[in-house]
Amino acid sequence: MTDTDPARSDHRRRRIVIVLAVVTITLWCVAVALATTVLVLIGRLPGEDPDRDARANQIATGVFVSFALPATAATIGLVAARRARARGRDV
């Protein structure tokens, strides 16, 4: 087999798509789970704080965005890789 073998190229593209899909799903799940966990943990803190909700939302948004940005990039890469595989082009 050579590097230009279509079966080998398709196998490589398929592996890339699978890896990108796993990374994408993992990042989105972590983004949602961590943001939710932060909100729940901050909501359970004892004591009264009138600004707690605002701070909790800011922290949860920061946590979500820190994982959502790479997840967005991985999603775009996944779509591009799937389209390239469907068209038979190299990634």
PDB file of N, CA and C in Angstrom:
ATOM      1  N   MET A   1       0.825  -1.185   0.000  1.00  0.00           N
ATOM      2  CA  MET A   1       0.000   0.000   0.000  1.00  0.00           C
ATOM      3  C   MET A   1       0.868   1.247   0.000  1.00  0.00           C
ATOM      4  N   THR A   2       0.460   2.207  -0.747  1.00  0.00           N
ATOM      5  CA  THR A   2       1.170   3.476  -0.768  1.00  0.00           C
ATOM      6  C   THR A   2       0.353   4.512  -0.022  1.00  0.00           C
ATOM      7  N   ASP A   3       0.926   5.683   0.148  1.00  0.00           N
ATOM      8  CA  ASP A   3       0.226   6.757   0.828  1.00  0.00           C
ATOM      9  C   ASP A   3      -0.950   7.288   0.022  1.00  0.00           C
ATOM     10  N   THR A   4      -0.967   7.011  -1.263  1.00  0.00           N
ATOM     11  CA  THR A   4      -2.058   7.501  -2.095  1.00  0.00           C
ATOM     12  C   THR A   4      -3.168   6.463  -2.243  1.00  0.00           C
ATOM     13  N   ASP A   5      -3.069   5.360  -1.523  1.00  0.00           N
ATOM     14  CA  ASP A   5      -4.086   4.323  -1.576  1.00  0.00           C
ATOM     15  C   ASP A   5      -5.405   4.871  -1.007  1.00  0.00           C
ATOM     16  N   PRO A   6      -6.503   4.819  -1.785  1.00  0.00           N
ATOM     17  CA  PRO A   6      -7.778   5.382  -1.315  1.00  0.00           C
ATOM     18  C   PRO A   6      -8.311   4.712  -0.050  1.00  0.00           C
ATOM     19  N   ALA A   7      -8.128   3.409   0.094  1.00  0.00           N
ATOM     20  CA  ALA A   7      -8.625   2.721   1.288  1.00  0.00           C
ATOM     21  C   ALA A   7      -7.892   3.196   2.531  1.00  0.00           C
ATOM     22  N   ARG A   8      -6.590   3.379   2.411  1.00  0.00           N
ATOM     23  CA  ARG A   8      -5.809   3.848   3.558  1.00  0.00           C
ATOM     24  C   ARG A   8      -6.171   5.283   3.917  1.00  0.00           C
ATOM     25  N   SER A   9      -6.362   6.113   2.890  1.00  0.00           N
ATOM     26  CA  SER A   9      -6.760   7.504   3.127  1.00  0.00           C
ATOM     27  C   SER A   9      -8.113   7.569   3.809  1.00  0.00           C
ATOM     28  N   ASP A  10      -9.060   6.745   3.362  1.00  0.00           N
ATOM     29  CA  ASP A  10     -10.387   6.749   3.963  1.00  0.00           C
ATOM     30  C   ASP A  10     -10.321   6.273   5.411  1.00  0.00           C
ATOM     31  N   HIS A  11      -9.481   5.295   5.686  1.00  0.00           N
ATOM     32  CA  HIS A  11      -9.320   4.796   7.053  1.00  0.00           C
ATOM     33  C   HIS A  11      -8.756   5.900   7.951  1.00  0.00           C
ATOM     34  N   ARG A  12      -7.801   6.641   7.441  1.00  0.00           N
ATOM     35  CA  ARG A  12      -7.219   7.744   8.215  1.00  0.00           C
ATOM     36  C   ARG A  12      -8.249   8.837   8.460  1.00  0.00           C
ATOM     37  N   ARG A  13      -9.021   9.171   7.426  1.00  0.00           N
ATOM     38  CA  ARG A  13     -10.070  10.184   7.582  1.00  0.00           C
ATOM     39  C   ARG A  13     -11.109   9.742   8.606  1.00  0.00           C
ATOM     40  N   ARG A  14     -11.454   8.454   8.568  1.00  0.00           N
ATOM     41  CA  ARG A  14     -12.438   7.932   9.509  1.00  0.00           C
ATOM     42  C   ARG A  14     -11.916   8.047  10.942  1.00  0.00           C
ATOM     43  N   ARG A  15     -10.646   7.733  11.164  1.00  0.00           N
ATOM     44  CA  ARG A  15     -10.066   7.866  12.504  1.00  0.00           C
ATOM     45  C   ARG A  15     -10.068   9.315  12.966  1.00  0.00           C
ATOM     46  N   ILE A  16      -9.754  10.233  12.067  1.00  0.00           N
ATOM     47  CA  ILE A  16      -9.758  11.657  12.413  1.00  0.00           C
ATOM     48  C   ILE A  16     -11.160  12.094  12.816  1.00  0.00           C
ATOM     49  N   VAL A  17     -12.156  11.654  12.049  1.00  0.00           N
ATOM     50  CA  VAL A  17     -13.542  12.012  12.363  1.00  0.00           C
ATOM     51  C   VAL A  17     -13.949  11.451  13.717  1.00  0.00           C
ATOM     52  N   ILE A  18     -13.573  10.217  14.011  1.00  0.00           N
ATOM     53  CA  ILE A  18     -13.931   9.606  15.293  1.00  0.00           C
ATOM     54  C   ILE A  18     -13.266  10.347  16.443  1.00  0.00           C
ATOM     55  N   VAL A  19     -11.990  10.654  16.311  1.00  0.00           N
ATOM     56  CA  VAL A  19     -11.277  11.367  17.378  1.00  0.00           C
ATOM     57  C   VAL A  19     -11.873  12.752  17.584  1.00  0.00           C
ATOM     58  N   LEU A  20     -12.155  13.468  16.507  1.00  0.00           N
ATOM     59  CA  LEU A  20     -12.757  14.791  16.641  1.00  0.00           C
ATOM     60  C   LEU A  20     -14.146  14.712  17.265  1.00  0.00           C
ATOM     61  N   ALA A  21     -14.902  13.688  16.932  1.00  0.00           N
ATOM     62  CA  ALA A  21     -16.234  13.531  17.522  1.00  0.00           C
ATOM     63  C   ALA A  21     -16.131  13.297  19.029  1.00  0.00           C
ATOM     64  N   VAL A  22     -15.205  12.451  19.444  1.00  0.00           N
ATOM     65  CA  VAL A  22     -15.029  12.183  20.876  1.00  0.00           C
ATOM     66  C   VAL A  22     -14.577  13.444  21.609  1.00  0.00           C
ATOM     67  N   VAL A  23     -13.633  14.162  21.042  1.00  0.00           N
ATOM     68  CA  VAL A  23     -13.150  15.401  21.663  1.00  0.00           C
ATOM     69  C   VAL A  23     -14.270  16.429  21.755  1.00  0.00           C
ATOM     70  N   THR A  24     -15.034  16.568  20.686  1.00  0.00           N
ATOM     71  CA  THR A  24     -16.121  17.546  20.661  1.00  0.00           C
ATOM     72  C   THR A  24     -17.172  17.220  21.718  1.00  0.00           C
ATOM     73  N   ILE A  25     -17.607  15.981  21.752  1.00  0.00           N
ATOM     74  CA  ILE A  25     -18.636  15.586  22.726  1.00  0.00           C
ATOM     75  C   ILE A  25     -18.121  15.769  24.150  1.00  0.00           C
ATOM     76  N   THR A  26     -16.883  15.396  24.378  1.00  0.00           N
ATOM     77  CA  THR A  26     -16.298  15.533  25.716  1.00  0.00           C
ATOM     78  C   THR A  26     -16.236  16.989  26.146  1.00  0.00           C
ATOM     79  N   LEU A  27     -15.767  17.859  25.268  1.00  0.00           N
ATOM     80  CA  LEU A  27     -15.662  19.270  25.627  1.00  0.00           C
ATOM     81  C   LEU A  27     -17.026  19.894  25.912  1.00  0.00           C
ATOM     82  N   TRP A  28     -18.022  19.589  25.084  1.00  0.00           N
ATOM     83  CA  TRP A  28     -19.361  20.147  25.323  1.00  0.00           C
ATOM     84  C   TRP A  28     -19.945  19.610  26.627  1.00  0.00           C
ATOM     85  N   CYS A  29     -19.760  18.345  26.901  1.00  0.00           N
ATOM     86  CA  CYS A  29     -20.274  17.767  28.153  1.00  0.00           C
ATOM     87  C   CYS A  29     -19.591  18.382  29.372  1.00  0.00           C
ATOM     88  N   VAL A  30     -18.293  18.544  29.295  1.00  0.00           N
ATOM     89  CA  VAL A  30     -17.562  19.153  30.410  1.00  0.00           C
ATOM     90  C   VAL A  30     -17.996  20.599  30.606  1.00  0.00           C
ATOM     91  N   ALA A  31     -18.193  21.329  29.523  1.00  0.00           N
ATOM     92  CA  ALA A  31     -18.615  22.729  29.629  1.00  0.00           C
ATOM     93  C   ALA A  31     -19.950  22.838  30.358  1.00  0.00           C
ATOM     94  N   VAL A  32     -20.909  22.029  29.974  1.00  0.00           N
ATOM     95  CA  VAL A  32     -22.233  22.086  30.602  1.00  0.00           C
ATOM     96  C   VAL A  32     -22.186  21.557  32.034  1.00  0.00           C
ATOM     97  N   ALA A  33     -21.487  20.453  32.242  1.00  0.00           N
ATOM     98  CA  ALA A  33     -21.440  19.845  33.576  1.00  0.00           C
ATOM     99  C   ALA A  33     -20.732  20.749  34.587  1.00  0.00           C
ATOM    100  N   LEU A  34     -19.611  21.336  34.194  1.00  0.00           N
ATOM    101  CA  LEU A  34     -18.891  22.196  35.137  1.00  0.00           C
ATOM    102  C   LEU A  34     -19.666  23.464  35.456  1.00  0.00           C
ATOM    103  N   ALA A  35     -20.286  24.060  34.452  1.00  0.00           N
ATOM    104  CA  ALA A  35     -21.081  25.271  34.709  1.00  0.00           C
ATOM    105  C   ALA A  35     -22.234  24.949  35.659  1.00  0.00           C
ATOM    106  N   THR A  36     -22.893  23.830  35.445  1.00  0.00           N
ATOM    107  CA  THR A  36     -23.991  23.432  36.323  1.00  0.00           C
ATOM    108  C   THR A  36     -23.485  23.133  37.729  1.00  0.00           C
ATOM    109  N   THR A  37     -22.370  22.447  37.819  1.00  0.00           N
ATOM    110  CA  THR A  37     -21.793  22.125  39.129  1.00  0.00           C
ATOM    111  C   THR A  37     -21.417  23.382  39.890  1.00  0.00           C
ATOM    112  N   VAL A  38     -20.842  24.336  39.208  1.00  0.00           N
ATOM    113  CA  VAL A  38     -20.464  25.599  39.862  1.00  0.00           C
ATOM    114  C   VAL A  38     -21.706  26.299  40.407  1.00  0.00           C
ATOM    115  N   LEU A  39     -22.759  26.355  39.620  1.00  0.00           N
ATOM    116  CA  LEU A  39     -23.989  27.005  40.085  1.00  0.00           C
ATOM    117  C   LEU A  39     -24.574  26.290  41.298  1.00  0.00           C
ATOM    118  N   VAL A  40     -24.572  24.969  41.260  1.00  0.00           N
ATOM    119  CA  VAL A  40     -25.123  24.203  42.384  1.00  0.00           C
ATOM    120  C   VAL A  40     -24.273  24.393  43.638  1.00  0.00           C
ATOM    121  N   LEU A  41     -22.953  24.310  43.491  1.00  0.00           N
ATOM    122  CA  LEU A  41     -22.083  24.443  44.661  1.00  0.00           C
ATOM    123  C   LEU A  41     -22.155  25.837  45.266  1.00  0.00           C
ATOM    124  N   ILE A  42     -22.173  26.849  44.433  1.00  0.00           N
ATOM    125  CA  ILE A  42     -22.254  28.215  44.966  1.00  0.00           C
ATOM    126  C   ILE A  42     -23.629  28.453  45.592  1.00  0.00           C
ATOM    127  N   GLY A  43     -24.657  27.868  45.006  1.00  0.00           N
ATOM    128  CA  GLY A  43     -25.994  28.023  45.573  1.00  0.00           C
ATOM    129  C   GLY A  43     -26.148  27.360  46.929  1.00  0.00           C
ATOM    130  N   ARG A  44     -25.349  26.357  47.227  1.00  0.00           N
ATOM    131  CA  ARG A  44     -25.430  25.650  48.510  1.00  0.00           C
ATOM    132  C   ARG A  44     -24.563  26.270  49.602  1.00  0.00           C
ATOM    133  N   LEU A  45     -23.814  27.294  49.289  1.00  0.00           N
ATOM    134  CA  LEU A  45     -22.970  27.918  50.308  1.00  0.00           C
ATOM    135  C   LEU A  45     -23.841  28.532  51.401  1.00  0.00           C
ATOM    136  N   PRO A  46     -23.406  28.387  52.645  1.00  0.00           N
ATOM    137  CA  PRO A  46     -24.206  28.959  53.738  1.00  0.00           C
ATOM    138  C   PRO A  46     -24.039  30.479  53.797  1.00  0.00           C
ATOM    139  N   GLY A  47     -24.967  31.104  54.476  1.00  0.00           N
ATOM    140  CA  GLY A  47     -24.894  32.543  54.660  1.00  0.00           C
ATOM    141  C   GLY A  47     -25.725  33.284  53.629  1.00  0.00           C
ATOM    142  N   GLU A  48     -25.905  34.548  53.887  1.00  0.00           N
ATOM    143  CA  GLU A  48     -26.716  35.384  53.011  1.00  0.00           C
ATOM    144  C   GLU A  48     -25.815  36.385  52.298  1.00  0.00           C
ATOM    145  N   ASP A  49     -25.911  36.416  51.002  1.00  0.00           N
ATOM    146  CA  ASP A  49     -25.114  37.337  50.190  1.00  0.00           C
ATOM    147  C   ASP A  49     -26.005  37.824  49.044  1.00  0.00           C
ATOM    148  N   PRO A  50     -26.323  39.109  49.033  1.00  0.00           N
ATOM    149  CA  PRO A  50     -27.239  39.614  48.006  1.00  0.00           C
ATOM    150  C   PRO A  50     -26.659  39.541  46.580  1.00  0.00           C
ATOM    151  N   ASP A  51     -25.353  39.542  46.460  1.00  0.00           N
ATOM    152  CA  ASP A  51     -24.728  39.507  45.130  1.00  0.00           C
ATOM    153  C   ASP A  51     -24.276  38.103  44.721  1.00  0.00           C
ATOM    154  N   ARG A  52     -24.642  37.100  45.480  1.00  0.00           N
ATOM    155  CA  ARG A  52     -24.192  35.740  45.208  1.00  0.00           C
ATOM    156  C   ARG A  52     -24.657  35.252  43.831  1.00  0.00           C
ATOM    157  N   ASP A  53     -25.901  35.529  43.495  1.00  0.00           N
ATOM    158  CA  ASP A  53     -26.429  35.056  42.208  1.00  0.00           C
ATOM    159  C   ASP A  53     -25.662  35.656  41.035  1.00  0.00           C
ATOM    160  N   ALA A  54     -25.383  36.933  41.121  1.00  0.00           N
ATOM    161  CA  ALA A  54     -24.656  37.603  40.032  1.00  0.00           C
ATOM    162  C   ALA A  54     -23.246  37.038  39.896  1.00  0.00           C
ATOM    163  N   ARG A  55     -22.559  36.863  41.029  1.00  0.00           N
ATOM    164  CA  ARG A  55     -21.209  36.303  40.983  1.00  0.00           C
ATOM    165  C   ARG A  55     -21.216  34.859  40.511  1.00  0.00           C
ATOM    166  N   ALA A  56     -22.202  34.089  40.960  1.00  0.00           N
ATOM    167  CA  ALA A  56     -22.300  32.691  40.543  1.00  0.00           C
ATOM    168  C   ALA A  56     -22.516  32.603  39.032  1.00  0.00           C
ATOM    169  N   ASN A  57     -23.363  33.458  38.492  1.00  0.00           N
ATOM    170  CA  ASN A  57     -23.587  33.463  37.045  1.00  0.00           C
ATOM    171  C   ASN A  57     -22.324  33.854  36.280  1.00  0.00           C
ATOM    172  N   GLN A  58     -21.587  34.833  36.798  1.00  0.00           N
ATOM    173  CA  GLN A  58     -20.346  35.235  36.136  1.00  0.00           C
ATOM    174  C   GLN A  58     -19.319  34.108  36.155  1.00  0.00           C
ATOM    175  N   ILE A  59     -19.175  33.450  37.283  1.00  0.00           N
ATOM    176  CA  ILE A  59     -18.211  32.358  37.384  1.00  0.00           C
ATOM    177  C   ILE A  59     -18.626  31.199  36.478  1.00  0.00           C
ATOM    178  N   ALA A  60     -19.908  30.839  36.514  1.00  0.00           N
ATOM    179  CA  ALA A  60     -20.395  29.740  35.686  1.00  0.00           C
ATOM    180  C   ALA A  60     -20.254  30.064  34.196  1.00  0.00           C
ATOM    181  N   THR A  61     -20.498  31.307  33.836  1.00  0.00           N
ATOM    182  CA  THR A  61     -20.323  31.707  32.434  1.00  0.00           C
ATOM    183  C   THR A  61     -18.863  31.597  32.024  1.00  0.00           C
ATOM    184  N   GLY A  62     -17.962  32.019  32.889  1.00  0.00           N
ATOM    185  CA  GLY A  62     -16.535  31.899  32.593  1.00  0.00           C
ATOM    186  C   GLY A  62     -16.097  30.460  32.441  1.00  0.00           C
ATOM    187  N   VAL A  63     -16.599  29.589  33.308  1.00  0.00           N
ATOM    188  CA  VAL A  63     -16.272  28.167  33.212  1.00  0.00           C
ATOM    189  C   VAL A  63     -16.811  27.594  31.907  1.00  0.00           C
ATOM    190  N   PHE A  64     -18.060  27.929  31.582  1.00  0.00           N
ATOM    191  CA  PHE A  64     -18.667  27.408  30.360  1.00  0.00           C
ATOM    192  C   PHE A  64     -17.907  27.883  29.134  1.00  0.00           C
ATOM    193  N   VAL A  65     -17.596  29.160  29.076  1.00  0.00           N
ATOM    194  CA  VAL A  65     -16.915  29.718  27.899  1.00  0.00           C
ATOM    195  C   VAL A  65     -15.513  29.134  27.747  1.00  0.00           C
ATOM    196  N   SER A  66     -14.845  28.860  28.855  1.00  0.00           N
ATOM    197  CA  SER A  66     -13.486  28.322  28.758  1.00  0.00           C
ATOM    198  C   SER A  66     -13.461  26.941  28.106  1.00  0.00           C
ATOM    199  N   PHE A  67     -14.553  26.202  28.187  1.00  0.00           N
ATOM    200  CA  PHE A  67     -14.628  24.916  27.496  1.00  0.00           C
ATOM    201  C   PHE A  67     -15.434  24.996  26.204  1.00  0.00           C
ATOM    202  N   ALA A  68     -16.344  25.950  26.116  1.00  0.00           N
ATOM    203  CA  ALA A  68     -17.188  26.064  24.918  1.00  0.00           C
ATOM    204  C   ALA A  68     -16.397  26.587  23.723  1.00  0.00           C
ATOM    205  N   LEU A  69     -15.430  27.446  23.942  1.00  0.00           N
ATOM    206  CA  LEU A  69     -14.635  27.949  22.813  1.00  0.00           C
ATOM    207  C   LEU A  69     -13.831  26.841  22.133  1.00  0.00           C
ATOM    208  N   PRO A  70     -13.085  26.026  22.880  1.00  0.00           N
ATOM    209  CA  PRO A  70     -12.417  24.901  22.206  1.00  0.00           C
ATOM    210  C   PRO A  70     -13.413  23.891  21.633  1.00  0.00           C
ATOM    211  N   ALA A  71     -14.564  23.726  22.299  1.00  0.00           N
ATOM    212  CA  ALA A  71     -15.582  22.810  21.776  1.00  0.00           C
ATOM    213  C   ALA A  71     -16.127  23.315  20.447  1.00  0.00           C
ATOM    214  N   THR A  72     -16.280  24.614  20.320  1.00  0.00           N
ATOM    215  CA  THR A  72     -16.744  25.199  19.057  1.00  0.00           C
ATOM    216  C   THR A  72     -15.722  24.953  17.957  1.00  0.00           C
ATOM    217  N   ALA A  73     -14.456  25.152  18.269  1.00  0.00           N
ATOM    218  CA  ALA A  73     -13.406  24.897  17.276  1.00  0.00           C
ATOM    219  C   ALA A  73     -13.376  23.417  16.892  1.00  0.00           C
ATOM    220  N   ALA A  74     -13.539  22.538  17.861  1.00  0.00           N
ATOM    221  CA  ALA A  74     -13.556  21.104  17.565  1.00  0.00           C
ATOM    222  C   ALA A  74     -14.780  20.729  16.732  1.00  0.00           C
ATOM    223  N   THR A  75     -15.902  21.379  16.986  1.00  0.00           N
ATOM    224  CA  THR A  75     -17.113  21.121  16.206  1.00  0.00           C
ATOM    225  C   THR A  75     -16.916  21.539  14.754  1.00  0.00           C
ATOM    226  N   ILE A  76     -16.313  22.692  14.550  1.00  0.00           N
ATOM    227  CA  ILE A  76     -16.036  23.159  13.191  1.00  0.00           C
ATOM    228  C   ILE A  76     -15.075  22.199  12.492  1.00  0.00           C
ATOM    229  N   GLY A  77     -14.050  21.762  13.204  1.00  0.00           N
ATOM    230  CA  GLY A  77     -13.115  20.790  12.639  1.00  0.00           C
ATOM    231  C   GLY A  77     -13.786  19.473  12.302  1.00  0.00           C
ATOM    232  N   LEU A  78     -14.708  19.039  13.162  1.00  0.00           N
ATOM    233  CA  LEU A  78     -15.437  17.795  12.910  1.00  0.00           C
ATOM    234  C   LEU A  78     -16.296  17.902  11.652  1.00  0.00           C
ATOM    235  N   VAL A  79     -16.993  19.014  11.518  1.00  0.00           N
ATOM    236  CA  VAL A  79     -17.831  19.206  10.323  1.00  0.00           C
ATOM    237  C   VAL A  79     -16.966  19.241   9.070  1.00  0.00           C
ATOM    238  N   ALA A  80     -15.849  19.935   9.138  1.00  0.00           N
ATOM    239  CA  ALA A  80     -14.945  20.010   7.982  1.00  0.00           C
ATOM    240  C   ALA A  80     -14.379  18.633   7.636  1.00  0.00           C
ATOM    241  N   ALA A  81     -14.006  17.874   8.645  1.00  0.00           N
ATOM    242  CA  ALA A  81     -13.447  16.533   8.407  1.00  0.00           C
ATOM    243  C   ALA A  81     -14.501  15.590   7.827  1.00  0.00           C
ATOM    244  N   ARG A  82     -15.730  15.688   8.319  1.00  0.00           N
ATOM    245  CA  ARG A  82     -16.798  14.838   7.781  1.00  0.00           C
ATOM    246  C   ARG A  82     -17.117  15.186   6.338  1.00  0.00           C
ATOM    247  N   ARG A  83     -17.122  16.481   6.029  1.00  0.00           N
ATOM    248  CA  ARG A  83     -17.377  16.892   4.648  1.00  0.00           C
ATOM    249  C   ARG A  83     -16.246  16.449   3.734  1.00  0.00           C
ATOM    250  N   ALA A  84     -15.019  16.569   4.204  1.00  0.00           N
ATOM    251  CA  ALA A  84     -13.879  16.137   3.384  1.00  0.00           C
ATOM    252  C   ALA A  84     -13.926  14.632   3.156  1.00  0.00           C
ATOM    253  N   ARG A  85     -14.295  13.892   4.180  1.00  0.00           N
ATOM    254  CA  ARG A  85     -14.393  12.438   4.034  1.00  0.00           C
ATOM    255  C   ARG A  85     -15.504  12.073   3.055  1.00  0.00           C
ATOM    256  N   ALA A  86     -16.633  12.765   3.122  1.00  0.00           N
ATOM    257  CA  ALA A  86     -17.746  12.480   2.241  1.00  0.00           C
ATOM    258  C   ALA A  86     -17.395  12.780   0.775  1.00  0.00           C
ATOM    259  N   ARG A  87     -16.565  13.787   0.575  1.00  0.00           N
ATOM    260  CA  ARG A  87     -16.152  14.169  -0.779  1.00  0.00           C
ATOM    261  C   ARG A  87     -14.934  13.420  -1.259  1.00  0.00           C
ATOM    262  N   GLY A  88     -14.315  12.634  -0.362  1.00  0.00           N
ATOM    263  CA  GLY A  88     -13.149  11.855  -0.745  1.00  0.00           C
ATOM    264  C   GLY A  88     -11.868  12.669  -0.823  1.00  0.00           C
ATOM    265  N   ARG A  89     -11.842  13.812  -0.165  1.00  0.00           N
ATOM    266  CA  ARG A  89     -10.631  14.643  -0.167  1.00  0.00           C
ATOM    267  C   ARG A  89      -9.813  14.382   1.080  1.00  0.00           C
ATOM    268  N   ASP A  90      -8.561  14.755   1.040  1.00  0.00           N
ATOM    269  CA  ASP A  90      -7.682  14.594   2.190  1.00  0.00           C
ATOM    270  C   ASP A  90      -7.959  15.682   3.208  1.00  0.00           C
ATOM    271  N   VAL A  91      -7.767  15.356   4.479  1.00  0.00           N
ATOM    272  CA  VAL A  91      -8.023  16.315   5.564  1.00  0.00           C
ATOM    273  C   VAL A  91      -6.757  17.097   5.821  1.00  0.00           C
TER     274      VAL A  91
END
